PDB file of N, CA and C in Angstrom:
ATOM      1  N   MET A   1      47.703   3.201 -10.214  1.00  0.00           N
ATOM      2  CA  MET A   1      46.313   3.489 -10.443  1.00  0.00           C
ATOM      3  C   MET A   1      46.139   4.000 -11.873  1.00  0.00           C
ATOM      4  N   ILE A   2      45.033   3.621 -12.516  1.00  0.00           N
ATOM      5  CA  ILE A   2      44.784   3.994 -13.909  1.00  0.00           C
ATOM      6  C   ILE A   2      43.886   5.218 -13.929  1.00  0.00           C
ATOM      7  N   ASP A   3      44.267   6.206 -14.709  1.00  0.00           N
ATOM      8  CA  ASP A   3      43.462   7.427 -14.860  1.00  0.00           C
ATOM      9  C   ASP A   3      42.551   7.238 -16.081  1.00  0.00           C
ATOM     10  N   ASP A   4      41.247   7.056 -15.826  1.00  0.00           N
ATOM     11  CA  ASP A   4      40.306   6.865 -16.944  1.00  0.00           C
ATOM     12  C   ASP A   4      39.371   8.068 -17.103  1.00  0.00           C
ATOM     13  N   SER A   5      39.823   9.242 -16.709  1.00  0.00           N
ATOM     14  CA  SER A   5      38.993  10.450 -16.803  1.00  0.00           C
ATOM     15  C   SER A   5      38.776  10.883 -18.250  1.00  0.00           C
ATOM     16  N   HIS A   6      39.600  10.418 -19.155  1.00  0.00           N
ATOM     17  CA  HIS A   6      39.464  10.794 -20.565  1.00  0.00           C
ATOM     18  C   HIS A   6      38.541   9.852 -21.339  1.00  0.00           C
ATOM     19  N   THR A   7      38.101   8.772 -20.740  1.00  0.00           N
ATOM     20  CA  THR A   7      37.186   7.848 -21.417  1.00  0.00           C
ATOM     21  C   THR A   7      35.746   8.268 -21.144  1.00  0.00           C
ATOM     22  N   LYS A   8      34.860   7.908 -22.068  1.00  0.00           N
ATOM     23  CA  LYS A   8      33.445   8.272 -21.935  1.00  0.00           C
ATOM     24  C   LYS A   8      32.665   7.106 -21.370  1.00  0.00           C
ATOM     25  N   ASP A   9      31.752   7.452 -20.508  1.00  0.00           N
ATOM     26  CA  ASP A   9      30.856   6.456 -19.940  1.00  0.00           C
ATOM     27  C   ASP A   9      29.655   6.338 -20.882  1.00  0.00           C
ATOM     28  N   PRO A  10      29.476   5.176 -21.532  1.00  0.00           N
ATOM     29  CA  PRO A  10      28.382   5.042 -22.507  1.00  0.00           C
ATOM     30  C   PRO A  10      27.003   5.199 -21.885  1.00  0.00           C
ATOM     31  N   THR A  11      26.845   4.981 -20.606  1.00  0.00           N
ATOM     32  CA  THR A  11      25.535   5.128 -19.971  1.00  0.00           C
ATOM     33  C   THR A  11      25.138   6.591 -19.824  1.00  0.00           C
ATOM     34  N   LYS A  12      26.116   7.503 -19.902  1.00  0.00           N
ATOM     35  CA  LYS A  12      25.806   8.924 -19.773  1.00  0.00           C
ATOM     36  C   LYS A  12      25.446   9.558 -21.110  1.00  0.00           C
ATOM     37  N   THR A  13      25.877   8.977 -22.216  1.00  0.00           N
ATOM     38  CA  THR A  13      25.558   9.556 -23.524  1.00  0.00           C
ATOM     39  C   THR A  13      24.198   9.096 -24.027  1.00  0.00           C
ATOM     40  N   LYS A  14      23.717   7.946 -23.608  1.00  0.00           N
ATOM     41  CA  LYS A  14      22.418   7.447 -24.068  1.00  0.00           C
ATOM     42  C   LYS A  14      21.260   8.353 -23.656  1.00  0.00           C
ATOM     43  N   PRO A  15      21.186   8.797 -22.390  1.00  0.00           N
ATOM     44  CA  PRO A  15      20.072   9.679 -22.026  1.00  0.00           C
ATOM     45  C   PRO A  15      20.055  10.972 -22.851  1.00  0.00           C
ATOM     46  N   LEU A  16      21.220  11.526 -23.156  1.00  0.00           N
ATOM     47  CA  LEU A  16      21.269  12.731 -23.974  1.00  0.00           C
ATOM     48  C   LEU A  16      20.770  12.439 -25.383  1.00  0.00           C
ATOM     49  N   LEU A  17      21.205  11.307 -25.931  1.00  0.00           N
ATOM     50  CA  LEU A  17      20.767  10.919 -27.269  1.00  0.00           C
ATOM     51  C   LEU A  17      19.256  10.718 -27.297  1.00  0.00           C
ATOM     52  N   ILE A  18      18.715  10.080 -26.285  1.00  0.00           N
ATOM     53  CA  ILE A  18      17.267   9.852 -26.211  1.00  0.00           C
ATOM     54  C   ILE A  18      16.521  11.179 -26.108  1.00  0.00           C
ATOM     55  N   LYS A  19      17.039  12.119 -25.325  1.00  0.00           N
ATOM     56  CA  LYS A  19      16.406  13.431 -25.203  1.00  0.00           C
ATOM     57  C   LYS A  19      16.408  14.174 -26.537  1.00  0.00           C
ATOM     58  N   VAL A  20      17.525  14.127 -27.249  1.00  0.00           N
ATOM     59  CA  VAL A  20      17.621  14.817 -28.538  1.00  0.00           C
ATOM     60  C   VAL A  20      16.677  14.181 -29.551  1.00  0.00           C
ATOM     61  N   LEU A  21      16.658  12.856 -29.606  1.00  0.00           N
ATOM     62  CA  LEU A  21      15.750  12.173 -30.532  1.00  0.00           C
ATOM     63  C   LEU A  21      14.293  12.435 -30.166  1.00  0.00           C
ATOM     64  N   GLY A  22      13.979  12.437 -28.863  1.00  0.00           N
ATOM     65  CA  GLY A  22      12.613  12.713 -28.411  1.00  0.00           C
ATOM     66  C   GLY A  22      12.169  14.114 -28.770  1.00  0.00           C
ATOM     67  N   ALA A  23      13.040  15.093 -28.589  1.00  0.00           N
ATOM     68  CA  ALA A  23      12.705  16.481 -28.940  1.00  0.00           C
ATOM     69  C   ALA A  23      12.504  16.614 -30.443  1.00  0.00           C
ATOM     70  N   GLY A  24      13.343  15.958 -31.216  1.00  0.00           N
ATOM     71  CA  GLY A  24      13.194  16.002 -32.676  1.00  0.00           C
ATOM     72  C   GLY A  24      11.895  15.374 -33.126  1.00  0.00           C
ATOM     73  N   LEU A  25      11.521  14.266 -32.502  1.00  0.00           N
ATOM     74  CA  LEU A  25      10.262  13.605 -32.829  1.00  0.00           C
ATOM     75  C   LEU A  25       9.075  14.491 -32.475  1.00  0.00           C
ATOM     76  N   LEU A  26       9.141  15.153 -31.318  1.00  0.00           N
ATOM     77  CA  LEU A  26       8.067  16.058 -30.902  1.00  0.00           C
ATOM     78  C   LEU A  26       7.891  17.207 -31.893  1.00  0.00           C
ATOM     79  N   VAL A  27       8.984  17.792 -32.336  1.00  0.00           N
ATOM     80  CA  VAL A  27       8.921  18.877 -33.323  1.00  0.00           C
ATOM     81  C   VAL A  27       8.340  18.361 -34.631  1.00  0.00           C
ATOM     82  N   ALA A  28       8.745  17.185 -35.063  1.00  0.00           N
ATOM     83  CA  ALA A  28       8.245  16.625 -36.320  1.00  0.00           C
ATOM     84  C   ALA A  28       6.744  16.355 -36.248  1.00  0.00           C
ATOM     85  N   VAL A  29       6.273  15.819 -35.128  1.00  0.00           N
ATOM     86  CA  VAL A  29       4.841  15.545 -34.966  1.00  0.00           C
ATOM     87  C   VAL A  29       4.050  16.845 -34.943  1.00  0.00           C
ATOM     88  N   ALA A  30       4.519  17.842 -34.192  1.00  0.00           N
ATOM     89  CA  ALA A  30       3.822  19.133 -34.124  1.00  0.00           C
ATOM     90  C   ALA A  30       3.755  19.775 -35.505  1.00  0.00           C
ATOM     91  N   TYR A  31       4.841  19.740 -36.244  1.00  0.00           N
ATOM     92  CA  TYR A  31       4.848  20.311 -37.589  1.00  0.00           C
ATOM     93  C   TYR A  31       3.886  19.551 -38.501  1.00  0.00           C
ATOM     94  N   GLY A  32       3.863  18.250 -38.380  1.00  0.00           N
ATOM     95  CA  GLY A  32       2.959  17.436 -39.198  1.00  0.00           C
ATOM     96  C   GLY A  32       1.504  17.749 -38.914  1.00  0.00           C
ATOM     97  N   ILE A  33       1.159  17.902 -37.645  1.00  0.00           N
ATOM     98  CA  ILE A  33      -0.220  18.247 -37.289  1.00  0.00           C
ATOM     99  C   ILE A  33      -0.563  19.625 -37.823  1.00  0.00           C
ATOM    100  N   TRP A  34       0.342  20.585 -37.664  1.00  0.00           N
ATOM    101  CA  TRP A  34       0.081  21.942 -38.141  1.00  0.00           C
ATOM    102  C   TRP A  34      -0.124  21.962 -39.654  1.00  0.00           C
ATOM    103  N   THR A  35       0.709  21.273 -40.401  1.00  0.00           N
ATOM    104  CA  THR A  35       0.586  21.306 -41.858  1.00  0.00           C
ATOM    105  C   THR A  35      -0.661  20.578 -42.336  1.00  0.00           C
ATOM    106  N   GLU A  36      -1.105  19.573 -41.620  1.00  0.00           N
ATOM    107  CA  GLU A  36      -2.288  18.833 -42.053  1.00  0.00           C
ATOM    108  C   GLU A  36      -3.582  19.553 -41.693  1.00  0.00           C
ATOM    109  N   MET A  37      -3.569  20.464 -40.717  1.00  0.00           N
ATOM    110  CA  MET A  37      -4.787  21.165 -40.330  1.00  0.00           C
ATOM    111  C   MET A  37      -4.960  22.491 -41.050  1.00  0.00           C
ATOM    112  N   ARG A  38      -3.960  22.927 -41.788  1.00  0.00           N
ATOM    113  CA  ARG A  38      -4.102  24.165 -42.536  1.00  0.00           C
ATOM    114  C   ARG A  38      -5.059  23.924 -43.704  1.00  0.00           C
ATOM    115  N   PRO A  39      -5.588  24.972 -44.332  1.00  0.00           N
ATOM    116  CA  PRO A  39      -6.475  24.769 -45.473  1.00  0.00           C
ATOM    117  C   PRO A  39      -5.814  23.887 -46.520  1.00  0.00           C
ATOM    118  N   GLY A  40      -6.551  22.871 -46.936  1.00  0.00           N
ATOM    119  CA  GLY A  40      -6.031  21.939 -47.922  1.00  0.00           C
ATOM    120  C   GLY A  40      -5.264  20.785 -47.308  1.00  0.00           C
ATOM    121  N   GLY A  41      -5.097  20.782 -45.985  1.00  0.00           N
ATOM    122  CA  GLY A  41      -4.415  19.678 -45.318  1.00  0.00           C
ATOM    123  C   GLY A  41      -5.313  18.461 -45.266  1.00  0.00           C
ATOM    124  N   ALA A  42      -4.818  17.386 -44.692  1.00  0.00           N
ATOM    125  CA  ALA A  42      -5.567  16.129 -44.665  1.00  0.00           C
ATOM    126  C   ALA A  42      -6.676  16.132 -43.619  1.00  0.00           C
ATOM    127  N   PHE A  43      -6.573  16.973 -42.590  1.00  0.00           N
ATOM    128  CA  PHE A  43      -7.556  16.973 -41.516  1.00  0.00           C
ATOM    129  C   PHE A  43      -8.334  18.279 -41.504  1.00  0.00           C
ATOM    130  N   ASN A  44      -9.614  18.180 -41.150  1.00  0.00           N
ATOM    131  CA  ASN A  44     -10.457  19.360 -41.030  1.00  0.00           C
ATOM    132  C   ASN A  44     -10.188  20.022 -39.683  1.00  0.00           C
ATOM    133  N   ALA A  45      -9.933  21.305 -39.703  1.00  0.00           N
ATOM    134  CA  ALA A  45      -9.639  22.044 -38.470  1.00  0.00           C
ATOM    135  C   ALA A  45     -10.893  22.308 -37.646  1.00  0.00           C
ATOM    136  N   TYR A  46     -12.070  22.128 -38.226  1.00  0.00           N
ATOM    137  CA  TYR A  46     -13.315  22.460 -37.539  1.00  0.00           C
ATOM    138  C   TYR A  46     -14.195  21.234 -37.349  1.00  0.00           C
ATOM    139  N   SER A  47     -14.986  21.302 -36.294  1.00  0.00           N
ATOM    140  CA  SER A  47     -16.023  20.310 -36.021  1.00  0.00           C
ATOM    141  C   SER A  47     -17.287  21.082 -35.674  1.00  0.00           C
ATOM    142  N   CYS A  48     -18.408  20.392 -35.592  1.00  0.00           N
ATOM    143  CA  CYS A  48     -19.652  21.075 -35.229  1.00  0.00           C
ATOM    144  C   CYS A  48     -19.559  21.679 -33.830  1.00  0.00           C
ATOM    145  N   SER A  49     -18.828  21.049 -32.945  1.00  0.00           N
ATOM    146  CA  SER A  49     -18.669  21.569 -31.575  1.00  0.00           C
ATOM    147  C   SER A  49     -17.837  22.844 -31.543  1.00  0.00           C
ATOM    148  N   ASN A  50     -16.665  22.825 -32.190  1.00  0.00           N
ATOM    149  CA  ASN A  50     -15.807  24.008 -32.076  1.00  0.00           C
ATOM    150  C   ASN A  50     -16.225  25.136 -33.008  1.00  0.00           C
ATOM    151  N   LEU A  51     -17.226  24.916 -33.849  1.00  0.00           N
ATOM    152  CA  LEU A  51     -17.777  26.008 -34.662  1.00  0.00           C
ATOM    153  C   LEU A  51     -18.795  26.846 -33.888  1.00  0.00           C
ATOM    154  N   VAL A  52     -19.390  26.287 -32.843  1.00  0.00           N
ATOM    155  CA  VAL A  52     -20.436  27.009 -32.097  1.00  0.00           C
ATOM    156  C   VAL A  52     -19.940  28.357 -31.571  1.00  0.00           C
ATOM    157  N   PRO A  53     -18.809  28.437 -30.869  1.00  0.00           N
ATOM    158  CA  PRO A  53     -18.350  29.760 -30.406  1.00  0.00           C
ATOM    159  C   PRO A  53     -18.089  30.727 -31.564  1.00  0.00           C
ATOM    160  N   GLU A  54     -17.657  30.188 -32.688  1.00  0.00           N
ATOM    161  CA  GLU A  54     -17.392  31.036 -33.862  1.00  0.00           C
ATOM    162  C   GLU A  54     -18.686  31.655 -34.403  1.00  0.00           C
ATOM    163  N   ILE A  55     -19.744  30.855 -34.519  1.00  0.00           N
ATOM    164  CA  ILE A  55     -20.984  31.416 -35.071  1.00  0.00           C
ATOM    165  C   ILE A  55     -21.708  32.295 -34.059  1.00  0.00           C
ATOM    166  N   VAL A  56     -21.548  32.002 -32.760  1.00  0.00           N
ATOM    167  CA  VAL A  56     -22.109  32.892 -31.726  1.00  0.00           C
ATOM    168  C   VAL A  56     -21.433  34.260 -31.815  1.00  0.00           C
ATOM    169  N   ALA A  57     -20.110  34.275 -31.998  1.00  0.00           N
ATOM    170  CA  ALA A  57     -19.377  35.544 -32.137  1.00  0.00           C
ATOM    171  C   ALA A  57     -19.785  36.272 -33.419  1.00  0.00           C
ATOM    172  N   LEU A  58     -19.972  35.540 -34.507  1.00  0.00           N
ATOM    173  CA  LEU A  58     -20.433  36.165 -35.762  1.00  0.00           C
ATOM    174  C   LEU A  58     -21.803  36.813 -35.568  1.00  0.00           C
ATOM    175  N   SER A  59     -22.681  36.118 -34.868  1.00  0.00           N
ATOM    176  CA  SER A  59     -24.020  36.652 -34.615  1.00  0.00           C
ATOM    177  C   SER A  59     -23.947  37.941 -33.803  1.00  0.00           C
ATOM    178  N   ALA A  60     -23.097  37.963 -32.796  1.00  0.00           N
ATOM    179  CA  ALA A  60     -22.943  39.173 -31.973  1.00  0.00           C
ATOM    180  C   ALA A  60     -22.363  40.315 -32.800  1.00  0.00           C
ATOM    181  N   ASP A  61     -21.400  40.003 -33.659  1.00  0.00           N
ATOM    182  CA  ASP A  61     -20.793  41.035 -34.514  1.00  0.00           C
ATOM    183  C   ASP A  61     -21.787  41.609 -35.517  1.00  0.00           C
ATOM    184  N   ASN A  62     -22.755  40.793 -35.939  1.00  0.00           N
ATOM    185  CA  ASN A  62     -23.710  41.227 -36.963  1.00  0.00           C
ATOM    186  C   ASN A  62     -25.018  41.752 -36.406  1.00  0.00           C
ATOM    187  N   ALA A  63     -25.176  41.790 -35.094  1.00  0.00           N
ATOM    188  CA  ALA A  63     -26.413  42.311 -34.497  1.00  0.00           C
ATOM    189  C   ALA A  63     -26.501  43.811 -34.752  1.00  0.00           C
ATOM    190  N   SER A  64     -27.726  44.282 -34.899  1.00  0.00           N
ATOM    191  CA  SER A  64     -27.942  45.715 -35.145  1.00  0.00           C
ATOM    192  C   SER A  64     -29.223  46.147 -34.434  1.00  0.00           C
ATOM    193  N   ALA A  65     -29.524  47.433 -34.524  1.00  0.00           N
ATOM    194  CA  ALA A  65     -30.752  47.947 -33.917  1.00  0.00           C
ATOM    195  C   ALA A  65     -31.981  47.341 -34.597  1.00  0.00           C
ATOM    196  N   LEU A  66     -31.867  47.052 -35.892  1.00  0.00           N
ATOM    197  CA  LEU A  66     -32.996  46.463 -36.620  1.00  0.00           C
ATOM    198  C   LEU A  66     -33.138  44.968 -36.339  1.00  0.00           C
ATOM    199  N   LEU A  67     -32.020  44.296 -36.107  1.00  0.00           N
ATOM    200  CA  LEU A  67     -32.022  42.860 -35.807  1.00  0.00           C
ATOM    201  C   LEU A  67     -31.239  42.609 -34.511  1.00  0.00           C
ATOM    202  N   PRO A  68     -31.847  42.945 -33.366  1.00  0.00           N
ATOM    203  CA  PRO A  68     -31.103  42.862 -32.107  1.00  0.00           C
ATOM    204  C   PRO A  68     -30.941  41.432 -31.561  1.00  0.00           C
ATOM    205  N   THR A  69     -31.741  40.489 -32.038  1.00  0.00           N
ATOM    206  CA  THR A  69     -31.658  39.124 -31.523  1.00  0.00           C
ATOM    207  C   THR A  69     -30.368  38.468 -31.980  1.00  0.00           C
ATOM    208  N   LYS A  70     -29.684  37.868 -31.016  1.00  0.00           N
ATOM    209  CA  LYS A  70     -28.411  37.215 -31.312  1.00  0.00           C
ATOM    210  C   LYS A  70     -28.509  35.730 -31.002  1.00  0.00           C
ATOM    211  N   LEU A  71     -27.593  34.999 -31.565  1.00  0.00           N
ATOM    212  CA  LEU A  71     -27.472  33.581 -31.276  1.00  0.00           C
ATOM    213  C   LEU A  71     -26.750  33.428 -29.936  1.00  0.00           C
ATOM    214  N   ALA A  72     -27.370  32.713 -29.000  1.00  0.00           N
ATOM    215  CA  ALA A  72     -26.767  32.516 -27.684  1.00  0.00           C
ATOM    216  C   ALA A  72     -25.990  31.201 -27.608  1.00  0.00           C
ATOM    217  N   GLY A  73     -26.395  30.225 -28.402  1.00  0.00           N
ATOM    218  CA  GLY A  73     -25.721  28.927 -28.389  1.00  0.00           C
ATOM    219  C   GLY A  73     -26.420  27.954 -29.302  1.00  0.00           C
ATOM    220  N   VAL A  74     -25.872  26.762 -29.403  1.00  0.00           N
ATOM    221  CA  VAL A  74     -26.454  25.706 -30.233  1.00  0.00           C
ATOM    222  C   VAL A  74     -26.499  24.422 -29.412  1.00  0.00           C
ATOM    223  N   LEU A  75     -27.676  23.829 -29.353  1.00  0.00           N
ATOM    224  CA  LEU A  75     -27.875  22.560 -28.653  1.00  0.00           C
ATOM    225  C   LEU A  75     -28.042  21.439 -29.678  1.00  0.00           C
ATOM    226  N   GLU A  76     -27.764  20.235 -29.247  1.00  0.00           N
ATOM    227  CA  GLU A  76     -28.020  19.041 -30.062  1.00  0.00           C
ATOM    228  C   GLU A  76     -27.450  19.157 -31.478  1.00  0.00           C
ATOM    229  N   HIS A  77     -26.242  19.666 -31.589  1.00  0.00           N
ATOM    230  CA  HIS A  77     -25.659  19.797 -32.926  1.00  0.00           C
ATOM    231  C   HIS A  77     -25.182  18.440 -33.427  1.00  0.00           C
ATOM    232  N   ARG A  78     -25.270  18.264 -34.732  1.00  0.00           N
ATOM    233  CA  ARG A  78     -24.775  17.031 -35.340  1.00  0.00           C
ATOM    234  C   ARG A  78     -24.181  17.347 -36.705  1.00  0.00           C
ATOM    235  N   THR A  79     -23.311  16.486 -37.133  1.00  0.00           N
ATOM    236  CA  THR A  79     -22.608  16.660 -38.397  1.00  0.00           C
ATOM    237  C   THR A  79     -23.451  16.100 -39.541  1.00  0.00           C
ATOM    238  N   ILE A  80     -23.659  16.933 -40.554  1.00  0.00           N
ATOM    239  CA  ILE A  80     -24.352  16.489 -41.763  1.00  0.00           C
ATOM    240  C   ILE A  80     -23.346  15.850 -42.708  1.00  0.00           C
ATOM    241  N   SER A  81     -22.215  16.514 -42.911  1.00  0.00           N
ATOM    242  CA  SER A  81     -21.131  15.967 -43.732  1.00  0.00           C
ATOM    243  C   SER A  81     -19.820  16.603 -43.306  1.00  0.00           C
ATOM    244  N   SER A  82     -18.739  15.882 -43.581  1.00  0.00           N
ATOM    245  CA  SER A  82     -17.428  16.392 -43.207  1.00  0.00           C
ATOM    246  C   SER A  82     -16.376  15.835 -44.157  1.00  0.00           C
ATOM    247  N   THR A  83     -15.573  16.736 -44.702  1.00  0.00           N
ATOM    248  CA  THR A  83     -14.413  16.372 -45.509  1.00  0.00           C
ATOM    249  C   THR A  83     -13.242  17.184 -44.988  1.00  0.00           C
ATOM    250  N   LYS A  84     -12.087  17.047 -45.621  1.00  0.00           N
ATOM    251  CA  LYS A  84     -10.927  17.806 -45.148  1.00  0.00           C
ATOM    252  C   LYS A  84     -11.077  19.304 -45.379  1.00  0.00           C
ATOM    253  N   ASP A  85     -11.933  19.715 -46.326  1.00  0.00           N
ATOM    254  CA  ASP A  85     -12.102  21.127 -46.658  1.00  0.00           C
ATOM    255  C   ASP A  85     -13.466  21.691 -46.295  1.00  0.00           C
ATOM    256  N   ARG A  86     -14.325  20.882 -45.638  1.00  0.00           N
ATOM    257  CA  ARG A  86     -15.685  21.357 -45.385  1.00  0.00           C
ATOM    258  C   ARG A  86     -16.324  20.543 -44.264  1.00  0.00           C
ATOM    259  N   VAL A  87     -17.084  21.227 -43.418  1.00  0.00           N
ATOM    260  CA  VAL A  87     -17.928  20.548 -42.428  1.00  0.00           C
ATOM    261  C   VAL A  87     -19.276  21.261 -42.423  1.00  0.00           C
ATOM    262  N   GLU A  88     -20.353  20.482 -42.464  1.00  0.00           N
ATOM    263  CA  GLU A  88     -21.712  21.031 -42.438  1.00  0.00           C
ATOM    264  C   GLU A  88     -22.433  20.464 -41.229  1.00  0.00           C
ATOM    265  N   CYS A  89     -23.148  21.362 -40.520  1.00  0.00           N
ATOM    266  CA  CYS A  89     -23.770  20.991 -39.261  1.00  0.00           C
ATOM    267  C   CYS A  89     -25.206  21.484 -39.190  1.00  0.00           C
ATOM    268  N   VAL A  90     -25.965  20.874 -38.307  1.00  0.00           N
ATOM    269  CA  VAL A  90     -27.318  21.316 -38.001  1.00  0.00           C
ATOM    270  C   VAL A  90     -27.517  21.147 -36.503  1.00  0.00           C
ATOM    271  N   GLY A  91     -28.348  21.997 -35.930  1.00  0.00           N
ATOM    272  CA  GLY A  91     -28.619  21.907 -34.496  1.00  0.00           C
ATOM    273  C   GLY A  91     -29.794  22.790 -34.120  1.00  0.00           C
ATOM    274  N   THR A  92     -30.034  22.893 -32.829  1.00  0.00           N
ATOM    275  CA  THR A  92     -31.098  23.749 -32.308  1.00  0.00           C
ATOM    276  C   THR A  92     -30.463  25.028 -31.781  1.00  0.00           C
ATOM    277  N   ALA A  93     -30.836  26.143 -32.390  1.00  0.00           N
ATOM    278  CA  ALA A  93     -30.295  27.443 -31.984  1.00  0.00           C
ATOM    279  C   ALA A  93     -31.057  27.974 -30.779  1.00  0.00           C
ATOM    280  N   MET A  94     -30.310  28.482 -29.818  1.00  0.00           N
ATOM    281  CA  MET A  94     -30.889  29.198 -28.682  1.00  0.00           C
ATOM    282  C   MET A  94     -30.656  30.678 -28.952  1.00  0.00           C
ATOM    283  N   LEU A  95     -31.731  31.444 -29.075  1.00  0.00           N
ATOM    284  CA  LEU A  95     -31.620  32.867 -29.383  1.00  0.00           C
ATOM    285  C   LEU A  95     -31.658  33.695 -28.106  1.00  0.00           C
ATOM    286  N   SER A  96     -31.144  34.901 -28.193  1.00  0.00           N
ATOM    287  CA  SER A  96     -31.059  35.772 -27.016  1.00  0.00           C
ATOM    288  C   SER A  96     -32.431  36.199 -26.498  1.00  0.00           C
ATOM    289  N   ASN A  97     -33.472  36.061 -27.301  1.00  0.00           N
ATOM    290  CA  ASN A  97     -34.827  36.413 -26.846  1.00  0.00           C
ATOM    291  C   ASN A  97     -35.559  35.213 -26.251  1.00  0.00           C
ATOM    292  N   GLY A  98     -34.849  34.071 -26.100  1.00  0.00           N
ATOM    293  CA  GLY A  98     -35.433  32.887 -25.484  1.00  0.00           C
ATOM    294  C   GLY A  98     -36.056  31.907 -26.455  1.00  0.00           C
ATOM    295  N   LEU A  99     -36.192  32.292 -27.706  1.00  0.00           N
ATOM    296  CA  LEU A  99     -36.777  31.385 -28.693  1.00  0.00           C
ATOM    297  C   LEU A  99     -35.739  30.400 -29.196  1.00  0.00           C
ATOM    298  N   ARG A 100     -36.241  29.331 -29.815  1.00  0.00           N
ATOM    299  CA  ARG A 100     -35.380  28.303 -30.407  1.00  0.00           C
ATOM    300  C   ARG A 100     -35.779  28.096 -31.853  1.00  0.00           C
ATOM    301  N   GLY A 101     -34.863  27.555 -32.608  1.00  0.00           N
ATOM    302  CA  GLY A 101     -35.135  27.222 -34.003  1.00  0.00           C
ATOM    303  C   GLY A 101     -33.988  26.409 -34.568  1.00  0.00           C
ATOM    304  N   GLU A 102     -34.231  25.778 -35.696  1.00  0.00           N
ATOM    305  CA  GLU A 102     -33.181  24.991 -36.340  1.00  0.00           C
ATOM    306  C   GLU A 102     -32.140  25.920 -36.960  1.00  0.00           C
ATOM    307  N   ILE A 103     -30.886  25.545 -36.833  1.00  0.00           N
ATOM    308  CA  ILE A 103     -29.809  26.311 -37.451  1.00  0.00           C
ATOM    309  C   ILE A 103     -28.928  25.373 -38.264  1.00  0.00           C
ATOM    310  N   LYS A 104     -28.530  25.846 -39.430  1.00  0.00           N
ATOM    311  CA  LYS A 104     -27.570  25.136 -40.264  1.00  0.00           C
ATOM    312  C   LYS A 104     -26.337  26.024 -40.370  1.00  0.00           C
ATOM    313  N   TYR A 105     -25.182  25.441 -40.153  1.00  0.00           N
ATOM    314  CA  TYR A 105     -23.941  26.214 -40.223  1.00  0.00           C
ATOM    315  C   TYR A 105     -22.839  25.344 -40.814  1.00  0.00           C
ATOM    316  N   ARG A 106     -21.805  26.001 -41.314  1.00  0.00           N
ATOM    317  CA  ARG A 106     -20.747  25.257 -41.991  1.00  0.00           C
ATOM    318  C   ARG A 106     -19.448  26.048 -41.998  1.00  0.00           C
ATOM    319  N   ALA A 107     -18.373  25.333 -42.214  1.00  0.00           N
ATOM    320  CA  ALA A 107     -17.055  25.925 -42.433  1.00  0.00           C
ATOM    321  C   ALA A 107     -16.495  25.238 -43.674  1.00  0.00           C
ATOM    322  N   TYR A 108     -15.851  26.019 -44.520  1.00  0.00           N
ATOM    323  CA  TYR A 108     -15.287  25.449 -45.743  1.00  0.00           C
ATOM    324  C   TYR A 108     -14.086  26.271 -46.183  1.00  0.00           C
ATOM    325  N   VAL A 109     -13.275  25.653 -47.014  1.00  0.00           N
ATOM    326  CA  VAL A 109     -12.092  26.321 -47.555  1.00  0.00           C
ATOM    327  C   VAL A 109     -12.428  26.843 -48.940  1.00  0.00           C
ATOM    328  N   GLU A 110     -12.117  28.123 -49.144  1.00  0.00           N
ATOM    329  CA  GLU A 110     -12.232  28.740 -50.466  1.00  0.00           C
ATOM    330  C   GLU A 110     -11.139  29.794 -50.552  1.00  0.00           C
ATOM    331  N   ALA A 111     -10.486  29.857 -51.702  1.00  0.00           N
ATOM    332  CA  ALA A 111      -9.377  30.804 -51.906  1.00  0.00           C
ATOM    333  C   ALA A 111      -8.302  30.621 -50.831  1.00  0.00           C
ATOM    334  N   ASP A 112      -8.052  29.370 -50.481  1.00  0.00           N
ATOM    335  CA  ASP A 112      -6.997  28.990 -49.539  1.00  0.00           C
ATOM    336  C   ASP A 112      -7.177  29.579 -48.138  1.00  0.00           C
ATOM    337  N   GLN A 113      -8.438  29.777 -47.714  1.00  0.00           N
ATOM    338  CA  GLN A 113      -8.709  30.187 -46.332  1.00  0.00           C
ATOM    339  C   GLN A 113     -10.041  29.616 -45.893  1.00  0.00           C
ATOM    340  N   TRP A 114     -10.216  29.514 -44.581  1.00  0.00           N
ATOM    341  CA  TRP A 114     -11.461  28.988 -44.022  1.00  0.00           C
ATOM    342  C   TRP A 114     -12.523  30.083 -43.965  1.00  0.00           C
ATOM    343  N   TRP A 115     -13.758  29.705 -44.302  1.00  0.00           N
ATOM    344  CA  TRP A 115     -14.919  30.583 -44.207  1.00  0.00           C
ATOM    345  C   TRP A 115     -15.936  29.899 -43.309  1.00  0.00           C
ATOM    346  N   ILE A 116     -16.585  30.687 -42.445  1.00  0.00           N
ATOM    347  CA  ILE A 116     -17.598  30.168 -41.528  1.00  0.00           C
ATOM    348  C   ILE A 116     -18.883  30.946 -41.756  1.00  0.00           C
ATOM    349  N   VAL A 117     -19.965  30.225 -42.021  1.00  0.00           N
ATOM    350  CA  VAL A 117     -21.257  30.874 -42.274  1.00  0.00           C
ATOM    351  C   VAL A 117     -22.374  30.086 -41.582  1.00  0.00           C
ATOM    352  N   TYR A 118     -23.471  30.775 -41.354  1.00  0.00           N
ATOM    353  CA  TYR A 118     -24.661  30.100 -40.845  1.00  0.00           C
ATOM    354  C   TYR A 118     -25.880  30.691 -41.531  1.00  0.00           C
ATOM    355  N   ASP A 119     -26.924  29.865 -41.644  1.00  0.00           N
ATOM    356  CA  ASP A 119     -28.175  30.307 -42.260  1.00  0.00           C
ATOM    357  C   ASP A 119     -29.021  31.011 -41.210  1.00  0.00           C
ATOM    358  N   PRO A 120     -29.911  31.905 -41.638  1.00  0.00           N
ATOM    359  CA  PRO A 120     -30.796  32.585 -40.679  1.00  0.00           C
ATOM    360  C   PRO A 120     -31.640  31.577 -39.915  1.00  0.00           C
ATOM    361  N   VAL A 121     -31.887  31.876 -38.658  1.00  0.00           N
ATOM    362  CA  VAL A 121     -32.688  31.015 -37.797  1.00  0.00           C
ATOM    363  C   VAL A 121     -34.114  31.515 -37.824  1.00  0.00           C
ATOM    364  N   ILE A 122     -35.056  30.615 -38.101  1.00  0.00           N
ATOM    365  CA  ILE A 122     -36.474  30.953 -38.044  1.00  0.00           C
ATOM    366  C   ILE A 122     -37.028  30.302 -36.779  1.00  0.00           C
ATOM    367  N   PRO A 123     -37.370  31.115 -35.779  1.00  0.00           N
ATOM    368  CA  PRO A 123     -37.864  30.533 -34.510  1.00  0.00           C
ATOM    369  C   PRO A 123     -39.113  29.689 -34.715  1.00  0.00           C
ATOM    370  N   THR A 124     -39.204  28.619 -33.951  1.00  0.00           N
ATOM    371  CA  THR A 124     -40.374  27.725 -34.043  1.00  0.00           C
ATOM    372  C   THR A 124     -41.218  27.811 -32.799  1.00  0.00           C
TER     373      THR A 124
END
């Protein structure tokens, strides 16, 4: 009888090789996405949709006794312009007092970081 315990079965090394290559590819893709979404990357990290929670939070942070009305949400938002370093949006603001008005908001890169701002809402 022949003892072949010292030989390797090529069918057992392929799955390991595929797993290692797959994990390496996954890491490379994740790193590529992360580097491209940072300020100055090829892709804009913000859209008009994902900016809404950010500007609602800004409105809540900036509310005061003199200006108690806050932004509750934005309806019918649309993109005015978008580049890798800037997105400008417009929509209908829903205010905490029940009124509505047009809102313009944007995110842009300056000094190697993202800035998010919105213009005051004038109820209509």
